[in-house]
Amino acid sequence: MVRAILYYPQELGRNMDEVLRMVRALQVADEKRVVLPANWPNNELIGDKAIIPPAADEKTAEERLKKAEAGEIECYDWWFCYKKL
């Protein structure tokens, strides 16, 4: 299964740090069922934290807000929540 494609023209060098970051991020995302932002683990907005996939229904959104109030996760709103791995 192809999960990502990076195309570098022959005239450009390769960024192996980015390739390794992508492989590691895919492994973590699969294992923890999270979404990882650009530049993870050095994201400018949430650092090394992982994004929790959006709530699919109202009940999940309400549970998410309760977890945020309890300090278990952090949220900007019910649809954009993240947590420490």
PDB file of N, CA and C in Angstrom:
ATOM      1  N   MET A   1       0.843  -1.164   0.000  1.00  0.00           N
ATOM      2  CA  MET A   1       0.000   0.000   0.000  1.00  0.00           C
ATOM      3  C   MET A   1       0.902   1.246   0.000  1.00  0.00           C
ATOM      4  N   VAL A   2       0.651   2.141  -0.912  1.00  0.00           N
ATOM      5  CA  VAL A   2       1.401   3.392  -0.992  1.00  0.00           C
ATOM      6  C   VAL A   2       0.733   4.393  -0.059  1.00  0.00           C
ATOM      7  N   ARG A   3       1.476   4.920   0.880  1.00  0.00           N
ATOM      8  CA  ARG A   3       0.931   5.875   1.849  1.00  0.00           C
ATOM      9  C   ARG A   3       1.405   7.292   1.587  1.00  0.00           C
ATOM     10  N   ALA A   4       2.521   7.436   0.912  1.00  0.00           N
ATOM     11  CA  ALA A   4       3.052   8.761   0.612  1.00  0.00           C
ATOM     12  C   ALA A   4       3.960   8.665  -0.606  1.00  0.00           C
ATOM     13  N   ILE A   5       3.997   9.750  -1.353  1.00  0.00           N
ATOM     14  CA  ILE A   5       4.878   9.821  -2.511  1.00  0.00           C
ATOM     15  C   ILE A   5       5.613  11.158  -2.450  1.00  0.00           C
ATOM     16  N   LEU A   6       6.918  11.084  -2.518  1.00  0.00           N
ATOM     17  CA  LEU A   6       7.748  12.282  -2.610  1.00  0.00           C
ATOM     18  C   LEU A   6       8.451  12.227  -3.948  1.00  0.00           C
ATOM     19  N   TYR A   7       8.282  13.254  -4.732  1.00  0.00           N
ATOM     20  CA  TYR A   7       8.937  13.297  -6.026  1.00  0.00           C
ATOM     21  C   TYR A   7      10.001  14.384  -6.001  1.00  0.00           C
ATOM     22  N   TYR A   8      11.216  13.990  -6.216  1.00  0.00           N
ATOM     23  CA  TYR A   8      12.311  14.934  -6.309  1.00  0.00           C
ATOM     24  C   TYR A   8      12.882  14.840  -7.717  1.00  0.00           C
ATOM     25  N   PRO A   9      12.903  15.933  -8.465  1.00  0.00           N
ATOM     26  CA  PRO A   9      13.553  15.905  -9.770  1.00  0.00           C
ATOM     27  C   PRO A   9      15.024  15.519  -9.610  1.00  0.00           C
ATOM     28  N   GLN A  10      15.582  14.972 -10.631  1.00  0.00           N
ATOM     29  CA  GLN A  10      16.961  14.499 -10.594  1.00  0.00           C
ATOM     30  C   GLN A  10      17.933  15.601 -10.173  1.00  0.00           C
ATOM     31  N   GLU A  11      17.607  16.834 -10.483  1.00  0.00           N
ATOM     32  CA  GLU A  11      18.513  17.944 -10.198  1.00  0.00           C
ATOM     33  C   GLU A  11      18.494  18.407  -8.747  1.00  0.00           C
ATOM     34  N   LEU A  12      17.595  17.890  -7.933  1.00  0.00           N
ATOM     35  CA  LEU A  12      17.472  18.323  -6.544  1.00  0.00           C
ATOM     36  C   LEU A  12      17.926  17.242  -5.579  1.00  0.00           C
ATOM     37  N   GLY A  13      18.520  17.685  -4.491  1.00  0.00           N
ATOM     38  CA  GLY A  13      18.937  16.750  -3.456  1.00  0.00           C
ATOM     39  C   GLY A  13      17.748  16.257  -2.648  1.00  0.00           C
ATOM     40  N   ARG A  14      17.931  15.170  -1.961  1.00  0.00           N
ATOM     41  CA  ARG A  14      16.877  14.575  -1.150  1.00  0.00           C
ATOM     42  C   ARG A  14      17.039  15.004   0.296  1.00  0.00           C
ATOM     43  N   ASN A  15      15.913  15.136   0.985  1.00  0.00           N
ATOM     44  CA  ASN A  15      15.931  15.493   2.394  1.00  0.00           C
ATOM     45  C   ASN A  15      15.600  14.235   3.197  1.00  0.00           C
ATOM     46  N   MET A  16      16.623  13.518   3.635  1.00  0.00           N
ATOM     47  CA  MET A  16      16.407  12.254   4.343  1.00  0.00           C
ATOM     48  C   MET A  16      15.761  12.480   5.706  1.00  0.00           C
ATOM     49  N   ASP A  17      15.991  13.625   6.320  1.00  0.00           N
ATOM     50  CA  ASP A  17      15.325  13.915   7.601  1.00  0.00           C
ATOM     51  C   ASP A  17      13.808  13.927   7.410  1.00  0.00           C
ATOM     52  N   GLU A  18      13.337  14.493   6.308  1.00  0.00           N
ATOM     53  CA  GLU A  18      11.896  14.535   6.040  1.00  0.00           C
ATOM     54  C   GLU A  18      11.349  13.141   5.761  1.00  0.00           C
ATOM     55  N   VAL A  19      12.090  12.329   5.043  1.00  0.00           N
ATOM     56  CA  VAL A  19      11.651  10.957   4.762  1.00  0.00           C
ATOM     57  C   VAL A  19      11.524  10.180   6.069  1.00  0.00           C
ATOM     58  N   LEU A  20      12.510  10.286   6.930  1.00  0.00           N
ATOM     59  CA  LEU A  20      12.472   9.582   8.218  1.00  0.00           C
ATOM     60  C   LEU A  20      11.356  10.120   9.108  1.00  0.00           C
ATOM     61  N   ARG A  21      11.140  11.435   9.103  1.00  0.00           N
ATOM     62  CA  ARG A  21      10.054  12.030   9.879  1.00  0.00           C
ATOM     63  C   ARG A  21       8.710  11.496   9.407  1.00  0.00           C
ATOM     64  N   MET A  22       8.542  11.378   8.101  1.00  0.00           N
ATOM     65  CA  MET A  22       7.286  10.893   7.548  1.00  0.00           C
ATOM     66  C   MET A  22       7.038   9.426   7.939  1.00  0.00           C
ATOM     67  N   VAL A  23       8.059   8.601   7.850  1.00  0.00           N
ATOM     68  CA  VAL A  23       7.910   7.190   8.226  1.00  0.00           C
ATOM     69  C   VAL A  23       7.565   7.074   9.710  1.00  0.00           C
ATOM     70  N   ARG A  24       8.291   7.799  10.541  1.00  0.00           N
ATOM     71  CA  ARG A  24       8.021   7.764  11.990  1.00  0.00           C
ATOM     72  C   ARG A  24       6.611   8.282  12.292  1.00  0.00           C
ATOM     73  N   ALA A  25       6.204   9.358  11.635  1.00  0.00           N
ATOM     74  CA  ALA A  25       4.867   9.919  11.859  1.00  0.00           C
ATOM     75  C   ALA A  25       3.780   8.937  11.444  1.00  0.00           C
ATOM     76  N   LEU A  26       3.957   8.246  10.343  1.00  0.00           N
ATOM     77  CA  LEU A  26       2.966   7.247   9.918  1.00  0.00           C
ATOM     78  C   LEU A  26       2.872   6.118  10.934  1.00  0.00           C
ATOM     79  N   GLN A  27       4.005   5.683  11.459  1.00  0.00           N
ATOM     80  CA  GLN A  27       3.999   4.619  12.458  1.00  0.00           C
ATOM     81  C   GLN A  27       3.277   5.062  13.729  1.00  0.00           C
ATOM     82  N   VAL A  28       3.565   6.261  14.206  1.00  0.00           N
ATOM     83  CA  VAL A  28       2.923   6.781  15.417  1.00  0.00           C
ATOM     84  C   VAL A  28       1.428   6.985  15.181  1.00  0.00           C
ATOM     85  N   ALA A  29       1.070   7.548  14.043  1.00  0.00           N
ATOM     86  CA  ALA A  29      -0.341   7.790  13.728  1.00  0.00           C
ATOM     87  C   ALA A  29      -1.129   6.488  13.703  1.00  0.00           C
ATOM     88  N   ASP A  30      -0.564   5.449  13.125  1.00  0.00           N
ATOM     89  CA  ASP A  30      -1.242   4.157  13.086  1.00  0.00           C
ATOM     90  C   ASP A  30      -1.371   3.550  14.478  1.00  0.00           C
ATOM     91  N   GLU A  31      -0.301   3.614  15.245  1.00  0.00           N
ATOM     92  CA  GLU A  31      -0.294   3.000  16.572  1.00  0.00           C
ATOM     93  C   GLU A  31      -1.228   3.712  17.550  1.00  0.00           C
ATOM     94  N   LYS A  32      -1.221   5.038  17.544  1.00  0.00           N
ATOM     95  CA  LYS A  32      -1.984   5.812  18.525  1.00  0.00           C
ATOM     96  C   LYS A  32      -3.330   6.311  18.007  1.00  0.00           C
ATOM     97  N   ARG A  33      -3.620   6.086  16.726  1.00  0.00           N
ATOM     98  CA  ARG A  33      -4.867   6.554  16.099  1.00  0.00           C
ATOM     99  C   ARG A  33      -5.045   8.071  16.260  1.00  0.00           C
ATOM    100  N   VAL A  34      -4.004   8.776  15.863  1.00  0.00           N
ATOM    101  CA  VAL A  34      -3.999  10.233  15.911  1.00  0.00           C
ATOM    102  C   VAL A  34      -3.585  10.772  14.550  1.00  0.00           C
ATOM    103  N   VAL A  35      -3.648  12.087  14.433  1.00  0.00           N
ATOM    104  CA  VAL A  35      -3.207  12.775  13.230  1.00  0.00           C
ATOM    105  C   VAL A  35      -2.029  13.654  13.618  1.00  0.00           C
ATOM    106  N   LEU A  36      -0.988  13.638  12.832  1.00  0.00           N
ATOM    107  CA  LEU A  36       0.186  14.431  13.169  1.00  0.00           C
ATOM    108  C   LEU A  36       0.317  15.621  12.224  1.00  0.00           C
ATOM    109  N   PRO A  37       0.582  16.794  12.790  1.00  0.00           N
ATOM    110  CA  PRO A  37       0.626  18.016  11.982  1.00  0.00           C
ATOM    111  C   PRO A  37       1.924  18.137  11.179  1.00  0.00           C
ATOM    112  N   ALA A  38       1.942  19.101  10.293  1.00  0.00           N
ATOM    113  CA  ALA A  38       3.163  19.409   9.539  1.00  0.00           C
ATOM    114  C   ALA A  38       4.285  19.740  10.511  1.00  0.00           C
ATOM    115  N   ASN A  39       5.474  19.367  10.145  1.00  0.00           N
ATOM    116  CA  ASN A  39       6.686  19.614  10.942  1.00  0.00           C
ATOM    117  C   ASN A  39       6.688  18.907  12.290  1.00  0.00           C
ATOM    118  N   TRP A  40       5.799  17.936  12.482  1.00  0.00           N
ATOM    119  CA  TRP A  40       5.806  17.180  13.726  1.00  0.00           C
ATOM    120  C   TRP A  40       7.154  16.487  13.847  1.00  0.00           C
ATOM    121  N   PRO A  41       7.785  16.464  14.970  1.00  0.00           N
ATOM    122  CA  PRO A  41       7.363  16.860  16.309  1.00  0.00           C
ATOM    123  C   PRO A  41       7.725  18.296  16.684  1.00  0.00           C
ATOM    124  N   ASN A  42       8.033  19.115  15.718  1.00  0.00           N
ATOM    125  CA  ASN A  42       8.404  20.510  16.005  1.00  0.00           C
ATOM    126  C   ASN A  42       7.392  21.483  15.428  1.00  0.00           C
ATOM    127  N   ASN A  43       6.120  21.141  15.510  1.00  0.00           N
ATOM    128  CA  ASN A  43       5.079  22.002  14.959  1.00  0.00           C
ATOM    129  C   ASN A  43       5.024  23.317  15.717  1.00  0.00           C
ATOM    130  N   GLU A  44       4.843  24.414  14.989  1.00  0.00           N
ATOM    131  CA  GLU A  44       4.847  25.745  15.594  1.00  0.00           C
ATOM    132  C   GLU A  44       3.639  25.983  16.501  1.00  0.00           C
ATOM    133  N   LEU A  45       2.519  25.325  16.239  1.00  0.00           N
ATOM    134  CA  LEU A  45       1.294  25.568  16.988  1.00  0.00           C
ATOM    135  C   LEU A  45       1.136  24.651  18.200  1.00  0.00           C
ATOM    136  N   ILE A  46       1.365  23.345  18.015  1.00  0.00           N
ATOM    137  CA  ILE A  46       1.125  22.399  19.111  1.00  0.00           C
ATOM    138  C   ILE A  46       2.361  21.587  19.506  1.00  0.00           C
ATOM    139  N   GLY A  47       3.506  21.907  18.935  1.00  0.00           N
ATOM    140  CA  GLY A  47       4.743  21.235  19.320  1.00  0.00           C
ATOM    141  C   GLY A  47       4.746  19.764  18.941  1.00  0.00           C
ATOM    142  N   ASP A  48       5.050  18.902  19.926  1.00  0.00           N
ATOM    143  CA  ASP A  48       5.141  17.473  19.656  1.00  0.00           C
ATOM    144  C   ASP A  48       3.847  16.728  19.983  1.00  0.00           C
ATOM    145  N   LYS A  49       2.776  17.460  20.209  1.00  0.00           N
ATOM    146  CA  LYS A  49       1.494  16.835  20.529  1.00  0.00           C
ATOM    147  C   LYS A  49       0.826  16.333  19.254  1.00  0.00           C
ATOM    148  N   ALA A  50      -0.151  15.448  19.429  1.00  0.00           N
ATOM    149  CA  ALA A  50      -0.861  14.854  18.299  1.00  0.00           C
ATOM    150  C   ALA A  50      -2.301  15.331  18.269  1.00  0.00           C
ATOM    151  N   ILE A  51      -2.820  15.500  17.075  1.00  0.00           N
ATOM    152  CA  ILE A  51      -4.198  15.937  16.891  1.00  0.00           C
ATOM    153  C   ILE A  51      -5.126  14.734  17.015  1.00  0.00           C
ATOM    154  N   ILE A  52      -6.208  14.922  17.743  1.00  0.00           N
ATOM    155  CA  ILE A  52      -7.224  13.877  17.870  1.00  0.00           C
ATOM    156  C   ILE A  52      -8.169  14.030  16.678  1.00  0.00           C
ATOM    157  N   PRO A  53      -8.457  12.947  15.952  1.00  0.00           N
ATOM    158  CA  PRO A  53      -9.351  13.075  14.797  1.00  0.00           C
ATOM    159  C   PRO A  53     -10.675  13.733  15.187  1.00  0.00           C
ATOM    160  N   PRO A  54     -11.292  14.482  14.275  1.00  0.00           N
ATOM    161  CA  PRO A  54     -12.529  15.212  14.585  1.00  0.00           C
ATOM    162  C   PRO A  54     -13.642  14.291  15.081  1.00  0.00           C
ATOM    163  N   ALA A  55     -14.488  14.840  15.936  1.00  0.00           N
ATOM    164  CA  ALA A  55     -15.637  14.091  16.451  1.00  0.00           C
ATOM    165  C   ALA A  55     -16.624  13.828  15.310  1.00  0.00           C
ATOM    166  N   ALA A  56     -17.157  12.624  15.275  1.00  0.00           N
ATOM    167  CA  ALA A  56     -18.089  12.257  14.206  1.00  0.00           C
ATOM    168  C   ALA A  56     -19.541  12.513  14.588  1.00  0.00           C
ATOM    169  N   ASP A  57     -19.772  12.739  15.879  1.00  0.00           N
ATOM    170  CA  ASP A  57     -21.145  12.978  16.307  1.00  0.00           C
ATOM    171  C   ASP A  57     -21.166  13.909  17.522  1.00  0.00           C
ATOM    172  N   GLU A  58     -22.362  14.318  17.891  1.00  0.00           N
ATOM    173  CA  GLU A  58     -22.520  15.286  18.984  1.00  0.00           C
ATOM    174  C   GLU A  58     -22.064  14.716  20.327  1.00  0.00           C
ATOM    175  N   LYS A  59     -22.341  13.447  20.567  1.00  0.00           N
ATOM    176  CA  LYS A  59     -21.964  12.808  21.828  1.00  0.00           C
ATOM    177  C   LYS A  59     -20.442  12.825  22.002  1.00  0.00           C
ATOM    178  N   THR A  60     -19.732  12.477  20.953  1.00  0.00           N
ATOM    179  CA  THR A  60     -18.269  12.477  21.014  1.00  0.00           C
ATOM    180  C   THR A  60     -17.738  13.887  21.235  1.00  0.00           C
ATOM    181  N   ALA A  61     -18.343  14.876  20.593  1.00  0.00           N
ATOM    182  CA  ALA A  61     -17.928  16.265  20.771  1.00  0.00           C
ATOM    183  C   ALA A  61     -18.118  16.700  22.224  1.00  0.00           C
ATOM    184  N   GLU A  62     -19.248  16.329  22.825  1.00  0.00           N
ATOM    185  CA  GLU A  62     -19.502  16.683  24.228  1.00  0.00           C
ATOM    186  C   GLU A  62     -18.497  15.997  25.160  1.00  0.00           C
ATOM    187  N   GLU A  63     -18.200  14.725  24.908  1.00  0.00           N
ATOM    188  CA  GLU A  63     -17.214  14.002  25.714  1.00  0.00           C
ATOM    189  C   GLU A  63     -15.851  14.672  25.606  1.00  0.00           C
ATOM    190  N   ARG A  64     -15.532  15.107  24.407  1.00  0.00           N
ATOM    191  CA  ARG A  64     -14.265  15.772  24.157  1.00  0.00           C
ATOM    192  C   ARG A  64     -14.162  17.075  24.954  1.00  0.00           C
ATOM    193  N   LEU A  65     -15.223  17.843  24.994  1.00  0.00           N
ATOM    194  CA  LEU A  65     -15.215  19.084  25.766  1.00  0.00           C
ATOM    195  C   LEU A  65     -15.059  18.814  27.261  1.00  0.00           C
ATOM    196  N   LYS A  66     -15.678  17.739  27.747  1.00  0.00           N
ATOM    197  CA  LYS A  66     -15.521  17.370  29.159  1.00  0.00           C
ATOM    198  C   LYS A  66     -14.074  16.992  29.459  1.00  0.00           C
ATOM    199  N   LYS A  67     -13.443  16.242  28.553  1.00  0.00           N
ATOM    200  CA  LYS A  67     -12.041  15.873  28.738  1.00  0.00           C
ATOM    201  C   LYS A  67     -11.152  17.115  28.734  1.00  0.00           C
ATOM    202  N   ALA A  68     -11.495  18.077  27.902  1.00  0.00           N
ATOM    203  CA  ALA A  68     -10.721  19.326  27.850  1.00  0.00           C
ATOM    204  C   ALA A  68     -10.858  20.097  29.159  1.00  0.00           C
ATOM    205  N   GLU A  69     -12.081  20.158  29.692  1.00  0.00           N
ATOM    206  CA  GLU A  69     -12.305  20.847  30.963  1.00  0.00           C
ATOM    207  C   GLU A  69     -11.561  20.164  32.107  1.00  0.00           C
ATOM    208  N   ALA A  70     -11.427  18.827  32.024  1.00  0.00           N
ATOM    209  CA  ALA A  70     -10.723  18.072  33.056  1.00  0.00           C
ATOM    210  C   ALA A  70      -9.208  18.120  32.868  1.00  0.00           C
ATOM    211  N   GLY A  71      -8.747  18.696  31.754  1.00  0.00           N
ATOM    212  CA  GLY A  71      -7.312  18.797  31.513  1.00  0.00           C
ATOM    213  C   GLY A  71      -6.689  17.567  30.887  1.00  0.00           C
ATOM    214  N   GLU A  72      -7.507  16.605  30.456  1.00  0.00           N
ATOM    215  CA  GLU A  72      -6.975  15.390  29.840  1.00  0.00           C
ATOM    216  C   GLU A  72      -6.458  15.648  28.426  1.00  0.00           C
ATOM    217  N   ILE A  73      -7.091  16.580  27.732  1.00  0.00           N
ATOM    218  CA  ILE A  73      -6.685  16.972  26.393  1.00  0.00           C
ATOM    219  C   ILE A  73      -6.761  18.495  26.303  1.00  0.00           C
ATOM    220  N   GLU A  74      -6.208  19.047  25.230  1.00  0.00           N
ATOM    221  CA  GLU A  74      -6.291  20.483  24.991  1.00  0.00           C
ATOM    222  C   GLU A  74      -7.102  20.705  23.720  1.00  0.00           C
ATOM    223  N   CYS A  75      -7.893  21.767  23.700  1.00  0.00           N
ATOM    224  CA  CYS A  75      -8.728  22.050  22.532  1.00  0.00           C
ATOM    225  C   CYS A  75      -8.741  23.538  22.230  1.00  0.00           C
ATOM    226  N   TYR A  76      -8.793  23.846  20.944  1.00  0.00           N
ATOM    227  CA  TYR A  76      -9.088  25.213  20.522  1.00  0.00           C
ATOM    228  C   TYR A  76     -10.600  25.361  20.404  1.00  0.00           C
ATOM    229  N   ASP A  77     -11.256  24.274  20.073  1.00  0.00           N
ATOM    230  CA  ASP A  77     -12.703  24.193  19.938  1.00  0.00           C
ATOM    231  C   ASP A  77     -13.030  22.697  19.929  1.00  0.00           C
ATOM    232  N   TRP A  78     -14.290  22.315  19.857  1.00  0.00           N
ATOM    233  CA  TRP A  78     -14.653  20.893  19.904  1.00  0.00           C
ATOM    234  C   TRP A  78     -14.065  20.113  18.728  1.00  0.00           C
ATOM    235  N   TRP A  79     -13.774  20.780  17.633  1.00  0.00           N
ATOM    236  CA  TRP A  79     -13.303  20.083  16.439  1.00  0.00           C
ATOM    237  C   TRP A  79     -11.796  20.037  16.313  1.00  0.00           C
ATOM    238  N   PHE A  80     -11.045  20.846  17.074  1.00  0.00           N
ATOM    239  CA  PHE A  80      -9.587  20.831  16.979  1.00  0.00           C
ATOM    240  C   PHE A  80      -9.002  20.625  18.354  1.00  0.00           C
ATOM    241  N   CYS A  81      -8.804  19.345  18.684  1.00  0.00           N
ATOM    242  CA  CYS A  81      -8.249  18.967  19.980  1.00  0.00           C
ATOM    243  C   CYS A  81      -6.956  18.196  19.762  1.00  0.00           C
ATOM    244  N   TYR A  82      -6.096  18.255  20.749  1.00  0.00           N
ATOM    245  CA  TYR A  82      -4.822  17.568  20.651  1.00  0.00           C
ATOM    246  C   TYR A  82      -4.402  17.093  22.031  1.00  0.00           C
ATOM    247  N   LYS A  83      -3.443  16.178  22.033  1.00  0.00           N
ATOM    248  CA  LYS A  83      -2.993  15.606  23.299  1.00  0.00           C
ATOM    249  C   LYS A  83      -1.524  15.248  23.237  1.00  0.00           C
ATOM    250  N   LYS A  84      -0.928  15.105  24.394  1.00  0.00           N
ATOM    251  CA  LYS A  84       0.448  14.642  24.507  1.00  0.00           C
ATOM    252  C   LYS A  84       0.455  13.140  24.230  1.00  0.00           C
ATOM    253  N   LEU A  85       1.442  12.685  23.528  1.00  0.00           N
ATOM    254  CA  LEU A  85       1.525  11.245  23.247  1.00  0.00           C
ATOM    255  C   LEU A  85       2.132  10.503  24.412  1.00  0.00           C
TER     256      LEU A  85
END
